[in-house]
Amino acid sequence: MKQYIVVIKGKPSGPYSPEELKGLKIKAGTFVKTEDMDDYKEAHEIPELCEFLGLKAHVSLPQYFATLDVRLLAVIIDYFIIFAIYCVIATAVVLFIDEKQLRIIVSLAGLAIIPEAKFIYSIVMESSVRQGTWGKVLMGLKVSDEKGNPITFSRSLVRNLSKILSTGTLGFGYLMGFFDKRQQCLHDRIAGTVVIKDRLL
């Protein structure tokens, strides 16, 4: 039977068996974890506890928002990943071209594809179960709607298309995030999205 550590008055306590948890009268928002969990979760996020203790799941609005410097680092990681993949593909293609000048032209022409590849990659990954590109995943970030739910493909498309406006306003669309408590840039406001992290880093 699983044993649970419970945060009581800001301090970890336990472990307790599920039967003992009944006596503690924990609430849906009480933080708990087992030994095999990496981090604490609210009790309502653990299905077996909801069933055993009769808890009702409730919607928790996002609490921690990704700062723009962390988001920028995630973008840099993404471009590095895409560029590395491009280099591998370009190298494989160039091996089949004998003329040196044509090799250079093909290699440089392929660089123009990188922004389009990043655009498609972002739309697909942000609307996937990971809720973010690999850069965001590595930085512990997720893209969600303003209630913390995963976003749809169409919302992800709107978000990434709106980045054209964020860039086209001389970058002011991105700078807006510095003055917003939820760190929302222009494209986030248009799409109704936020970039969140599970805990403060």
C-alpha atoms as a PDB file:
ATOM      1  CA  MET A   1       0.000   0.000   0.000  1.00  0.00           C
ATOM      2  CA  LYS A   2       1.316   3.447  -0.923  1.00  0.00           C
ATOM      3  CA  GLN A   3       2.493   5.777   1.808  1.00  0.00           C
ATOM      4  CA  TYR A   4       1.949   9.517   1.423  1.00  0.00           C
ATOM      5  CA  ILE A   5       3.941  12.474   2.715  1.00  0.00           C
ATOM      6  CA  VAL A   6       1.643  15.414   3.440  1.00  0.00           C
ATOM      7  CA  VAL A   7       2.468  19.121   3.730  1.00  0.00           C
ATOM      8  CA  ILE A   8       0.842  20.320   6.955  1.00  0.00           C
ATOM      9  CA  LYS A   9       1.257  23.963   7.970  1.00  0.00           C
ATOM     10  CA  GLY A  10       4.039  24.332   5.405  1.00  0.00           C
ATOM     11  CA  LYS A  11       6.072  21.336   6.618  1.00  0.00           C
ATOM     12  CA  PRO A  12       6.275  17.776   5.230  1.00  0.00           C
ATOM     13  CA  SER A  13       4.767  15.198   7.570  1.00  0.00           C
ATOM     14  CA  GLY A  14       4.418  11.436   7.414  1.00  0.00           C
ATOM     15  CA  PRO A  15       4.432   9.068   5.651  1.00  0.00           C
ATOM     16  CA  TYR A  16       0.792   8.127   6.134  1.00  0.00           C
ATOM     17  CA  SER A  17      -1.308   5.283   4.786  1.00  0.00           C
ATOM     18  CA  PRO A  18      -4.510   6.177   2.910  1.00  0.00           C
ATOM     19  CA  GLU A  19      -6.491   5.155   6.020  1.00  0.00           C
ATOM     20  CA  GLU A  20      -4.462   7.582   8.128  1.00  0.00           C
ATOM     21  CA  LEU A  21      -5.050  10.329   5.562  1.00  0.00           C
ATOM     22  CA  LYS A  22      -8.774  10.054   6.263  1.00  0.00           C
ATOM     23  CA  GLY A  23      -8.106  11.040   9.853  1.00  0.00           C
ATOM     24  CA  LEU A  24      -6.121  14.087   8.749  1.00  0.00           C
ATOM     25  CA  LYS A  25      -9.142  15.350   6.791  1.00  0.00           C
ATOM     26  CA  ILE A  26      -6.953  16.661   3.987  1.00  0.00           C
ATOM     27  CA  LYS A  27      -8.485  18.964   1.388  1.00  0.00           C
ATOM     28  CA  ALA A  28      -8.339  18.852  -2.422  1.00  0.00           C
ATOM     29  CA  GLY A  29      -5.581  21.487  -2.451  1.00  0.00           C
ATOM     30  CA  THR A  30      -3.344  19.806   0.154  1.00  0.00           C
ATOM     31  CA  PHE A  31       0.107  18.954  -1.229  1.00  0.00           C
ATOM     32  CA  VAL A  32       1.027  15.257  -1.054  1.00  0.00           C
ATOM     33  CA  LYS A  33       3.605  12.928  -2.585  1.00  0.00           C
ATOM     34  CA  THR A  34       4.789   9.341  -2.509  1.00  0.00           C
ATOM     35  CA  GLU A  35       8.406   8.186  -2.498  1.00  0.00           C
ATOM     36  CA  ASP A  36       8.296   7.476  -6.240  1.00  0.00           C
ATOM     37  CA  MET A  37       6.971  10.957  -7.139  1.00  0.00           C
ATOM     38  CA  ASP A  38       9.478  13.646  -8.147  1.00  0.00           C
ATOM     39  CA  ASP A  39       7.466  16.524  -6.726  1.00  0.00           C
ATOM     40  CA  TYR A  40       4.407  17.277  -4.627  1.00  0.00           C
ATOM     41  CA  LYS A  41       0.960  17.352  -6.209  1.00  0.00           C
ATOM     42  CA  GLU A  42      -2.350  18.617  -4.900  1.00  0.00           C
ATOM     43  CA  ALA A  43      -4.443  15.752  -3.536  1.00  0.00           C
ATOM     44  CA  HIS A  44      -7.157  16.213  -6.175  1.00  0.00           C
ATOM     45  CA  GLU A  45      -4.555  15.556  -8.906  1.00  0.00           C
ATOM     46  CA  ILE A  46      -4.078  11.952  -7.692  1.00  0.00           C
ATOM     47  CA  PRO A  47      -7.000   9.802  -8.926  1.00  0.00           C
ATOM     48  CA  GLU A  48      -6.679   7.075  -6.273  1.00  0.00           C
ATOM     49  CA  LEU A  49      -6.842   9.655  -3.480  1.00  0.00           C
ATOM     50  CA  CYS A  50      -9.856  11.362  -5.037  1.00  0.00           C
ATOM     51  CA  GLU A  51     -11.661   8.020  -5.098  1.00  0.00           C
ATOM     52  CA  PHE A  52     -10.521   6.868  -1.648  1.00  0.00           C
ATOM     53  CA  LEU A  53     -11.081  10.168   0.171  1.00  0.00           C
ATOM     54  CA  GLY A  54     -14.074  11.325  -1.857  1.00  0.00           C
ATOM     55  CA  LEU A  55     -12.325  14.463  -3.086  1.00  0.00           C
ATOM     56  CA  LYS A  56     -13.641  16.496  -5.979  1.00  0.00           C
ATOM     57  CA  ALA A  57     -11.130  17.710  -8.518  1.00  0.00           C
ATOM     58  CA  HIS A  58     -11.081  21.456  -8.969  1.00  0.00           C
ATOM     59  CA  VAL A  59      -9.518  23.693 -11.567  1.00  0.00           C
ATOM     60  CA  SER A  60      -6.331  25.357 -10.343  1.00  0.00           C
ATOM     61  CA  LEU A  61      -5.493  28.502 -12.244  1.00  0.00           C
ATOM     62  CA  PRO A  62      -1.832  28.852 -13.241  1.00  0.00           C
ATOM     63  CA  GLN A  63       0.285  30.343 -10.465  1.00  0.00           C
ATOM     64  CA  TYR A  64       3.800  30.466 -11.873  1.00  0.00           C
ATOM     65  CA  PHE A  65       4.537  32.161 -15.173  1.00  0.00           C
ATOM     66  CA  ALA A  66       7.734  31.812 -17.208  1.00  0.00           C
ATOM     67  CA  THR A  67       9.888  34.927 -17.351  1.00  0.00           C
ATOM     68  CA  LEU A  68      10.957  36.211 -20.761  1.00  0.00           C
ATOM     69  CA  ASP A  69      14.637  35.373 -20.244  1.00  0.00           C
ATOM     70  CA  VAL A  70      13.796  31.701 -19.626  1.00  0.00           C
ATOM     71  CA  ARG A  71      11.474  31.709 -22.637  1.00  0.00           C
ATOM     72  CA  LEU A  72      14.247  33.214 -24.784  1.00  0.00           C
ATOM     73  CA  LEU A  73      16.636  30.474 -23.683  1.00  0.00           C
ATOM     74  CA  ALA A  74      14.031  27.872 -24.682  1.00  0.00           C
ATOM     75  CA  VAL A  75      13.791  29.487 -28.155  1.00  0.00           C
ATOM     76  CA  ILE A  76      17.591  29.394 -28.524  1.00  0.00           C
ATOM     77  CA  ILE A  77      17.582  25.684 -27.624  1.00  0.00           C
ATOM     78  CA  ASP A  78      14.862  25.059 -30.207  1.00  0.00           C
ATOM     79  CA  TYR A  79      16.795  26.810 -32.959  1.00  0.00           C
ATOM     80  CA  PHE A  80      19.924  24.869 -32.000  1.00  0.00           C
ATOM     81  CA  ILE A  81      17.996  21.581 -32.289  1.00  0.00           C
ATOM     82  CA  ILE A  82      16.488  22.544 -35.664  1.00  0.00           C
ATOM     83  CA  PHE A  83      19.847  23.768 -36.988  1.00  0.00           C
ATOM     84  CA  ALA A  84      21.549  20.531 -35.895  1.00  0.00           C
ATOM     85  CA  ILE A  85      18.919  18.480 -37.738  1.00  0.00           C
ATOM     86  CA  TYR A  86      19.327  20.738 -40.791  1.00  0.00           C
ATOM     87  CA  CYS A  87      23.116  20.210 -40.760  1.00  0.00           C
ATOM     88  CA  VAL A  88      22.684  16.436 -40.733  1.00  0.00           C
ATOM     89  CA  ILE A  89      20.189  16.522 -43.633  1.00  0.00           C
ATOM     90  CA  ALA A  90      22.219  19.077 -45.624  1.00  0.00           C
ATOM     91  CA  THR A  91      25.392  17.010 -45.204  1.00  0.00           C
ATOM     92  CA  ALA A  92      23.608  13.899 -46.451  1.00  0.00           C
ATOM     93  CA  VAL A  93      22.242  15.773 -49.502  1.00  0.00           C
ATOM     94  CA  VAL A  94      25.537  17.482 -50.354  1.00  0.00           C
ATOM     95  CA  LEU A  95      27.335  14.127 -50.429  1.00  0.00           C
ATOM     96  CA  PHE A  96      25.425  13.334 -53.614  1.00  0.00           C
ATOM     97  CA  ILE A  97      26.425  16.597 -55.367  1.00  0.00           C
ATOM     98  CA  ASP A  98      29.786  16.652 -57.131  1.00  0.00           C
ATOM     99  CA  GLU A  99      30.013  20.318 -58.147  1.00  0.00           C
ATOM    100  CA  LYS A 100      31.473  22.466 -55.343  1.00  0.00           C
ATOM    101  CA  GLN A 101      29.589  25.667 -56.225  1.00  0.00           C
ATOM    102  CA  LEU A 102      26.277  23.813 -56.359  1.00  0.00           C
ATOM    103  CA  ARG A 103      27.016  22.311 -52.941  1.00  0.00           C
ATOM    104  CA  ILE A 104      27.388  25.796 -51.446  1.00  0.00           C
ATOM    105  CA  ILE A 105      24.207  27.065 -53.112  1.00  0.00           C
ATOM    106  CA  VAL A 106      22.170  24.100 -51.879  1.00  0.00           C
ATOM    107  CA  SER A 107      23.566  24.415 -48.346  1.00  0.00           C
ATOM    108  CA  LEU A 108      22.848  28.150 -48.074  1.00  0.00           C
ATOM    109  CA  ALA A 109      19.429  27.922 -49.742  1.00  0.00           C
ATOM    110  CA  GLY A 110      18.380  25.376 -47.150  1.00  0.00           C
ATOM    111  CA  LEU A 111      18.959  27.884 -44.335  1.00  0.00           C
ATOM    112  CA  ALA A 112      15.861  29.792 -45.476  1.00  0.00           C
ATOM    113  CA  ILE A 113      13.743  26.786 -44.477  1.00  0.00           C
ATOM    114  CA  ILE A 114      14.736  26.985 -40.790  1.00  0.00           C
ATOM    115  CA  PRO A 115      12.241  29.737 -39.742  1.00  0.00           C
ATOM    116  CA  GLU A 116       9.387  27.893 -41.506  1.00  0.00           C
ATOM    117  CA  ALA A 117      10.440  24.633 -39.852  1.00  0.00           C
ATOM    118  CA  LYS A 118      10.473  26.369 -36.445  1.00  0.00           C
ATOM    119  CA  PHE A 119       6.982  27.755 -37.113  1.00  0.00           C
ATOM    120  CA  ILE A 120       5.485  24.344 -37.940  1.00  0.00           C
ATOM    121  CA  TYR A 121       7.440  22.622 -35.161  1.00  0.00           C
ATOM    122  CA  SER A 122       6.148  25.128 -32.564  1.00  0.00           C
ATOM    123  CA  ILE A 123       2.503  24.767 -33.628  1.00  0.00           C
ATOM    124  CA  VAL A 124       2.598  20.970 -33.502  1.00  0.00           C
ATOM    125  CA  MET A 125       4.566  20.655 -30.249  1.00  0.00           C
ATOM    126  CA  GLU A 126       2.655  23.326 -28.305  1.00  0.00           C
ATOM    127  CA  SER A 127      -0.672  21.648 -29.134  1.00  0.00           C
ATOM    128  CA  SER A 128       0.672  18.182 -28.276  1.00  0.00           C
ATOM    129  CA  VAL A 129       0.523  16.399 -24.902  1.00  0.00           C
ATOM    130  CA  ARG A 130       3.907  17.956 -24.045  1.00  0.00           C
ATOM    131  CA  GLN A 131       2.408  21.449 -24.356  1.00  0.00           C
ATOM    132  CA  GLY A 132       5.672  22.877 -25.606  1.00  0.00           C
ATOM    133  CA  THR A 133       8.675  22.544 -27.866  1.00  0.00           C
ATOM    134  CA  TRP A 134      11.701  20.572 -26.716  1.00  0.00           C
ATOM    135  CA  GLY A 135      13.323  23.827 -25.629  1.00  0.00           C
ATOM    136  CA  LYS A 136      10.356  24.564 -23.366  1.00  0.00           C
ATOM    137  CA  VAL A 137      10.243  20.977 -22.106  1.00  0.00           C
ATOM    138  CA  LEU A 138      13.932  21.133 -21.140  1.00  0.00           C
ATOM    139  CA  MET A 139      13.296  24.425 -19.301  1.00  0.00           C
ATOM    140  CA  GLY A 140      10.233  23.006 -17.528  1.00  0.00           C
ATOM    141  CA  LEU A 141       7.755  25.233 -19.365  1.00  0.00           C
ATOM    142  CA  LYS A 142       4.330  24.618 -20.890  1.00  0.00           C
ATOM    143  CA  VAL A 143       1.979  26.626 -23.101  1.00  0.00           C
ATOM    144  CA  SER A 144      -1.601  26.629 -21.834  1.00  0.00           C
ATOM    145  CA  ASP A 145      -4.765  28.653 -22.103  1.00  0.00           C
ATOM    146  CA  GLU A 146      -5.436  31.248 -19.401  1.00  0.00           C
ATOM    147  CA  LYS A 147      -7.094  28.618 -17.178  1.00  0.00           C
ATOM    148  CA  GLY A 148      -4.123  26.257 -17.359  1.00  0.00           C
ATOM    149  CA  ASN A 149      -5.609  23.807 -19.869  1.00  0.00           C
ATOM    150  CA  PRO A 150      -3.698  22.403 -22.880  1.00  0.00           C
ATOM    151  CA  ILE A 151      -4.230  24.378 -26.063  1.00  0.00           C
ATOM    152  CA  THR A 152      -5.716  23.138 -29.312  1.00  0.00           C
ATOM    153  CA  PHE A 153      -3.983  23.065 -32.679  1.00  0.00           C
ATOM    154  CA  SER A 154      -6.014  26.065 -33.871  1.00  0.00           C
ATOM    155  CA  ARG A 155      -5.110  28.147 -30.803  1.00  0.00           C
ATOM    156  CA  SER A 156      -1.459  27.198 -31.255  1.00  0.00           C
ATOM    157  CA  LEU A 157      -1.694  28.272 -34.907  1.00  0.00           C
ATOM    158  CA  VAL A 158      -3.144  31.663 -33.898  1.00  0.00           C
ATOM    159  CA  ARG A 159      -0.449  32.093 -31.239  1.00  0.00           C
ATOM    160  CA  ASN A 160       2.410  31.426 -33.624  1.00  0.00           C
ATOM    161  CA  LEU A 161       0.931  33.490 -36.470  1.00  0.00           C
ATOM    162  CA  SER A 162       0.500  36.379 -34.026  1.00  0.00           C
ATOM    163  CA  LYS A 163       4.238  36.348 -33.354  1.00  0.00           C
ATOM    164  CA  ILE A 164       4.509  38.172 -36.687  1.00  0.00           C
ATOM    165  CA  LEU A 165       2.769  41.109 -34.995  1.00  0.00           C
ATOM    166  CA  SER A 166       4.959  40.822 -31.892  1.00  0.00           C
ATOM    167  CA  THR A 167       8.034  41.034 -34.130  1.00  0.00           C
ATOM    168  CA  GLY A 168       6.568  43.576 -36.548  1.00  0.00           C
ATOM    169  CA  THR A 169       6.000  46.127 -33.782  1.00  0.00           C
ATOM    170  CA  LEU A 170       9.808  46.479 -33.486  1.00  0.00           C
ATOM    171  CA  GLY A 171       9.761  43.859 -30.778  1.00  0.00           C
ATOM    172  CA  PHE A 172       7.354  45.833 -28.575  1.00  0.00           C
ATOM    173  CA  GLY A 173       4.944  42.894 -28.695  1.00  0.00           C
ATOM    174  CA  TYR A 174       7.546  40.858 -26.823  1.00  0.00           C
ATOM    175  CA  LEU A 175       8.505  43.690 -24.467  1.00  0.00           C
ATOM    176  CA  MET A 176       4.886  43.848 -23.301  1.00  0.00           C
ATOM    177  CA  GLY A 177       5.644  40.728 -21.303  1.00  0.00           C
ATOM    178  CA  PHE A 178       7.961  42.671 -18.999  1.00  0.00           C
ATOM    179  CA  PHE A 179       5.049  44.846 -17.873  1.00  0.00           C
ATOM    180  CA  ASP A 180       2.497  42.066 -17.449  1.00  0.00           C
ATOM    181  CA  LYS A 181       2.151  40.104 -14.205  1.00  0.00           C
ATOM    182  CA  ARG A 182       1.490  36.935 -16.218  1.00  0.00           C
ATOM    183  CA  GLN A 183       4.375  37.658 -18.611  1.00  0.00           C
ATOM    184  CA  GLN A 184       1.989  37.658 -21.592  1.00  0.00           C
ATOM    185  CA  CYS A 185       3.428  38.987 -24.831  1.00  0.00           C
ATOM    186  CA  LEU A 186       1.202  40.421 -27.578  1.00  0.00           C
ATOM    187  CA  HIS A 187       0.797  37.048 -29.304  1.00  0.00           C
ATOM    188  CA  ASP A 188      -0.162  35.440 -25.986  1.00  0.00           C
ATOM    189  CA  ARG A 189      -2.886  38.032 -25.408  1.00  0.00           C
ATOM    190  CA  ILE A 190      -4.245  37.588 -28.935  1.00  0.00           C
ATOM    191  CA  ALA A 191      -4.366  33.786 -28.600  1.00  0.00           C
ATOM    192  CA  GLY A 192      -5.410  33.790 -24.925  1.00  0.00           C
ATOM    193  CA  THR A 193      -2.382  31.769 -23.830  1.00  0.00           C
ATOM    194  CA  VAL A 194       0.221  31.844 -21.061  1.00  0.00           C
ATOM    195  CA  VAL A 195       3.590  30.134 -20.669  1.00  0.00           C
ATOM    196  CA  ILE A 196       3.658  28.452 -17.286  1.00  0.00           C
ATOM    197  CA  LYS A 197       5.939  26.412 -15.062  1.00  0.00           C
ATOM    198  CA  ASP A 198       4.795  23.999 -12.376  1.00  0.00           C
ATOM    199  CA  ARG A 199       6.840  25.500  -9.541  1.00  0.00           C
ATOM    200  CA  LEU A 200       9.001  28.530  -8.919  1.00  0.00           C
ATOM    201  CA  LEU A 201      12.599  27.778  -9.982  1.00  0.00           C
END
